[in-house]
N, C-alpha and C. Protein backbone atom coordinates (compact mmCIF):
# COMPACT_ATOMS: atom_id res chain seq x y z
N UNK A 1 20.25 -2.95 -18.80
CA UNK A 1 19.69 -1.87 -18.00
C UNK A 1 20.74 -1.41 -17.00
N UNK A 2 20.59 -0.21 -16.58
CA UNK A 2 21.60 0.31 -15.67
C UNK A 2 21.30 -0.08 -14.22
N UNK A 3 22.28 0.15 -13.38
CA UNK A 3 22.16 -0.26 -11.98
C UNK A 3 21.08 0.52 -11.23
N UNK A 4 20.86 1.77 -11.63
CA UNK A 4 19.83 2.58 -10.99
C UNK A 4 18.46 1.94 -11.15
N UNK A 5 18.16 1.51 -12.37
CA UNK A 5 16.86 0.88 -12.63
C UNK A 5 16.74 -0.46 -11.92
N UNK A 6 17.82 -1.23 -11.88
CA UNK A 6 17.81 -2.51 -11.18
C UNK A 6 17.53 -2.31 -9.70
N UNK A 7 18.12 -1.27 -9.13
CA UNK A 7 17.90 -0.96 -7.71
C UNK A 7 16.44 -0.66 -7.45
N UNK A 8 15.82 0.12 -8.33
CA UNK A 8 14.41 0.47 -8.15
C UNK A 8 13.49 -0.74 -8.35
N UNK A 9 13.83 -1.61 -9.29
CA UNK A 9 13.04 -2.83 -9.47
C UNK A 9 13.05 -3.66 -8.19
N UNK A 10 14.21 -3.81 -7.59
CA UNK A 10 14.32 -4.58 -6.34
C UNK A 10 13.52 -3.93 -5.22
N UNK A 11 13.64 -2.62 -5.10
CA UNK A 11 12.94 -1.89 -4.04
C UNK A 11 11.42 -2.00 -4.22
N UNK A 12 10.94 -1.78 -5.43
CA UNK A 12 9.50 -1.87 -5.69
C UNK A 12 9.01 -3.29 -5.45
N UNK A 13 9.79 -4.27 -5.89
CA UNK A 13 9.39 -5.67 -5.70
C UNK A 13 9.25 -5.99 -4.21
N UNK A 14 10.18 -5.52 -3.41
CA UNK A 14 10.12 -5.78 -1.96
C UNK A 14 8.91 -5.12 -1.33
N UNK A 15 8.65 -3.86 -1.69
CA UNK A 15 7.55 -3.13 -1.06
C UNK A 15 6.18 -3.60 -1.56
N UNK A 16 6.10 -4.16 -2.73
CA UNK A 16 4.84 -4.74 -3.19
C UNK A 16 4.61 -6.09 -2.52
N UNK A 17 5.68 -6.77 -2.16
CA UNK A 17 5.55 -8.08 -1.52
C UNK A 17 4.89 -7.97 -0.15
N UNK A 18 5.12 -6.89 0.56
CA UNK A 18 4.56 -6.74 1.91
C UNK A 18 3.04 -6.70 1.90
N UNK A 19 2.41 -5.78 1.15
CA UNK A 19 0.94 -5.79 1.15
C UNK A 19 0.36 -7.06 0.54
N UNK A 20 1.07 -7.63 -0.43
CA UNK A 20 0.58 -8.88 -1.04
C UNK A 20 0.56 -9.99 0.00
N UNK A 21 1.63 -10.10 0.76
CA UNK A 21 1.71 -11.15 1.78
C UNK A 21 0.66 -10.94 2.87
N UNK A 22 0.25 -9.72 3.10
CA UNK A 22 -0.79 -9.45 4.10
C UNK A 22 -2.20 -9.63 3.55
N UNK A 23 -2.41 -9.25 2.30
CA UNK A 23 -3.76 -9.28 1.73
C UNK A 23 -4.24 -10.68 1.40
N UNK A 24 -3.36 -11.57 1.03
CA UNK A 24 -3.80 -12.91 0.65
C UNK A 24 -4.38 -13.68 1.84
N UNK A 25 -3.72 -13.72 2.99
CA UNK A 25 -4.36 -14.40 4.13
C UNK A 25 -5.64 -13.68 4.61
N UNK A 26 -5.64 -12.36 4.52
CA UNK A 26 -6.86 -11.61 4.90
C UNK A 26 -8.01 -12.01 3.99
N UNK A 27 -7.75 -12.14 2.71
CA UNK A 27 -8.79 -12.53 1.77
C UNK A 27 -9.33 -13.93 2.09
N UNK A 28 -8.45 -14.83 2.42
CA UNK A 28 -8.88 -16.20 2.75
C UNK A 28 -9.74 -16.19 4.01
N UNK A 29 -9.30 -15.47 5.03
CA UNK A 29 -10.06 -15.41 6.29
C UNK A 29 -11.41 -14.76 6.07
N UNK A 30 -11.46 -13.68 5.31
CA UNK A 30 -12.74 -13.00 5.05
C UNK A 30 -13.70 -13.93 4.33
N UNK A 31 -13.20 -14.66 3.34
CA UNK A 31 -14.09 -15.55 2.60
C UNK A 31 -14.53 -16.75 3.42
N UNK A 32 -13.71 -17.19 4.36
CA UNK A 32 -14.08 -18.36 5.15
C UNK A 32 -15.00 -18.01 6.32
N UNK A 33 -14.69 -16.95 7.06
CA UNK A 33 -15.47 -16.69 8.28
C UNK A 33 -16.05 -15.28 8.34
N UNK A 34 -15.98 -14.54 7.24
CA UNK A 34 -16.48 -13.17 7.24
C UNK A 34 -17.99 -13.10 7.23
N UNK A 35 -18.50 -12.00 7.75
CA UNK A 35 -19.95 -11.76 7.71
C UNK A 35 -20.34 -11.36 6.29
N UNK A 36 -21.62 -11.46 5.95
CA UNK A 36 -22.05 -11.09 4.59
C UNK A 36 -21.70 -9.63 4.23
N UNK A 37 -21.75 -8.73 5.21
CA UNK A 37 -21.39 -7.33 4.93
C UNK A 37 -19.91 -7.19 4.60
N UNK A 38 -19.10 -7.91 5.36
CA UNK A 38 -17.66 -7.87 5.13
C UNK A 38 -17.32 -8.48 3.78
N UNK A 39 -17.97 -9.56 3.44
CA UNK A 39 -17.72 -10.21 2.15
C UNK A 39 -18.15 -9.29 1.02
N UNK A 40 -19.27 -8.61 1.18
CA UNK A 40 -19.74 -7.68 0.15
C UNK A 40 -18.75 -6.53 -0.03
N UNK A 41 -18.21 -6.03 1.08
CA UNK A 41 -17.20 -4.97 1.00
C UNK A 41 -15.94 -5.47 0.31
N UNK A 42 -15.53 -6.69 0.66
CA UNK A 42 -14.30 -7.24 0.10
C UNK A 42 -14.42 -7.50 -1.39
N UNK A 43 -15.63 -7.76 -1.87
CA UNK A 43 -15.81 -8.02 -3.30
C UNK A 43 -15.34 -6.84 -4.15
N UNK A 44 -15.40 -5.63 -3.61
CA UNK A 44 -14.92 -4.45 -4.34
C UNK A 44 -13.40 -4.45 -4.45
N UNK A 45 -12.71 -5.00 -3.45
CA UNK A 45 -11.26 -4.98 -3.39
C UNK A 45 -10.64 -6.33 -3.72
N UNK A 46 -11.44 -7.26 -4.16
CA UNK A 46 -10.99 -8.63 -4.37
C UNK A 46 -9.90 -8.76 -5.43
N UNK A 47 -9.86 -7.87 -6.39
CA UNK A 47 -8.87 -7.97 -7.47
C UNK A 47 -7.49 -7.45 -7.07
N UNK A 48 -7.40 -6.71 -5.99
CA UNK A 48 -6.13 -6.10 -5.58
C UNK A 48 -5.02 -7.12 -5.35
N UNK A 49 -5.24 -8.19 -4.58
CA UNK A 49 -4.14 -9.17 -4.42
C UNK A 49 -3.70 -9.78 -5.74
N UNK A 50 -4.64 -9.98 -6.66
CA UNK A 50 -4.28 -10.56 -7.96
C UNK A 50 -3.41 -9.61 -8.77
N UNK A 51 -3.74 -8.33 -8.76
CA UNK A 51 -2.95 -7.35 -9.48
C UNK A 51 -1.56 -7.24 -8.87
N UNK A 52 -1.49 -7.24 -7.54
CA UNK A 52 -0.19 -7.17 -6.88
C UNK A 52 0.65 -8.41 -7.20
N UNK A 53 0.02 -9.58 -7.22
CA UNK A 53 0.76 -10.81 -7.56
C UNK A 53 1.27 -10.76 -9.00
N UNK A 54 0.46 -10.22 -9.91
CA UNK A 54 0.90 -10.08 -11.30
C UNK A 54 2.10 -9.15 -11.39
N UNK A 55 2.04 -8.03 -10.69
CA UNK A 55 3.15 -7.09 -10.68
C UNK A 55 4.40 -7.73 -10.08
N UNK A 56 4.22 -8.50 -9.02
CA UNK A 56 5.36 -9.20 -8.42
C UNK A 56 5.94 -10.25 -9.37
N UNK A 57 5.08 -10.91 -10.13
CA UNK A 57 5.56 -11.92 -11.07
C UNK A 57 6.39 -11.27 -12.18
N UNK A 58 5.96 -10.11 -12.64
CA UNK A 58 6.69 -9.42 -13.70
C UNK A 58 8.04 -8.93 -13.19
N UNK A 59 8.04 -8.23 -12.05
CA UNK A 59 9.30 -7.72 -11.52
C UNK A 59 10.20 -8.87 -11.06
N UNK A 60 9.61 -9.91 -10.49
CA UNK A 60 10.40 -11.06 -10.04
C UNK A 60 11.04 -11.80 -11.20
N UNK A 61 10.32 -11.90 -12.31
CA UNK A 61 10.90 -12.55 -13.49
C UNK A 61 12.10 -11.77 -14.00
N UNK A 62 11.96 -10.45 -14.02
CA UNK A 62 13.09 -9.62 -14.46
C UNK A 62 14.28 -9.80 -13.52
N UNK A 63 14.02 -9.77 -12.22
CA UNK A 63 15.11 -9.91 -11.26
C UNK A 63 15.74 -11.30 -11.33
N UNK A 64 14.94 -12.31 -11.64
CA UNK A 64 15.47 -13.66 -11.77
C UNK A 64 16.37 -13.77 -13.00
N UNK A 65 15.96 -13.14 -14.09
CA UNK A 65 16.71 -13.24 -15.34
C UNK A 65 17.87 -12.25 -15.42
N UNK A 66 17.93 -11.30 -14.52
CA UNK A 66 18.95 -10.25 -14.57
C UNK A 66 20.38 -10.78 -14.62
N UNK A 67 20.78 -11.76 -13.81
CA UNK A 67 22.17 -12.25 -13.92
C UNK A 67 22.48 -12.84 -15.30
N UNK A 68 21.51 -13.49 -15.91
CA UNK A 68 21.73 -14.06 -17.24
C UNK A 68 21.83 -12.98 -18.30
N UNK A 69 21.03 -11.91 -18.15
CA UNK A 69 21.09 -10.79 -19.08
C UNK A 69 22.45 -10.11 -18.99
N UNK A 70 22.91 -9.89 -17.77
CA UNK A 70 24.21 -9.23 -17.56
C UNK A 70 25.33 -10.11 -18.11
N UNK A 71 25.24 -11.39 -17.90
CA UNK A 71 26.27 -12.31 -18.39
C UNK A 71 26.33 -12.28 -19.92
N UNK A 72 25.17 -12.26 -20.57
CA UNK A 72 25.13 -12.21 -22.03
C UNK A 72 25.70 -10.89 -22.55
N UNK A 73 25.38 -9.79 -21.86
CA UNK A 73 25.92 -8.50 -22.27
C UNK A 73 27.43 -8.46 -22.09
N UNK A 74 27.91 -9.05 -21.01
CA UNK A 74 29.36 -9.08 -20.76
C UNK A 74 30.07 -9.90 -21.83
N UNK A 75 29.46 -11.02 -22.24
CA UNK A 75 30.06 -11.84 -23.30
C UNK A 75 30.13 -11.07 -24.61
N UNK A 76 29.07 -10.35 -24.93
CA UNK A 76 29.06 -9.58 -26.18
C UNK A 76 30.14 -8.51 -26.17
N UNK A 77 30.35 -7.88 -25.03
CA UNK A 77 31.35 -6.83 -24.92
C UNK A 77 32.76 -7.38 -25.06
N UNK A 78 32.99 -8.60 -24.60
CA UNK A 78 34.34 -9.18 -24.59
C UNK A 78 34.69 -9.97 -25.84
N UNK A 79 33.76 -10.09 -26.77
CA UNK A 79 34.06 -10.81 -28.01
C UNK A 79 34.99 -9.94 -28.86
N UNK A 80 36.17 -10.48 -29.20
CA UNK A 80 37.10 -9.67 -30.03
C UNK A 80 36.57 -9.52 -31.45
N UNK A 81 36.81 -8.38 -32.03
CA UNK A 81 36.37 -8.11 -33.41
C UNK A 81 37.27 -8.89 -34.36
N UNK A 82 36.68 -9.57 -35.33
CA UNK A 82 37.46 -10.35 -36.31
C UNK A 82 37.80 -9.47 -37.50
N UNK A 83 39.03 -9.56 -37.95
CA UNK A 83 39.45 -8.83 -39.15
C UNK A 83 39.25 -9.72 -40.36
N UNK A 84 38.61 -9.16 -41.36
CA UNK A 84 38.34 -9.95 -42.57
C UNK A 84 39.42 -9.82 -43.58
């Protein structure tokens, strides 16, 4: 992949991490000490932290594997062609 796409993956991963890091503790606090009305409201939005975590896992896996992908591509490019 090109550097432009890698840059956007990093940027999206960082910006998704912020609401995820905020929503998970909020969810725990709401479930532990929230009023029944607040809990009922949160039930509608309960899947959002899970979806954000899944998105972070996908982008994070790509970013983790990126150096290995680049290294493999570099090796393929530098392999000399054999004459038969």
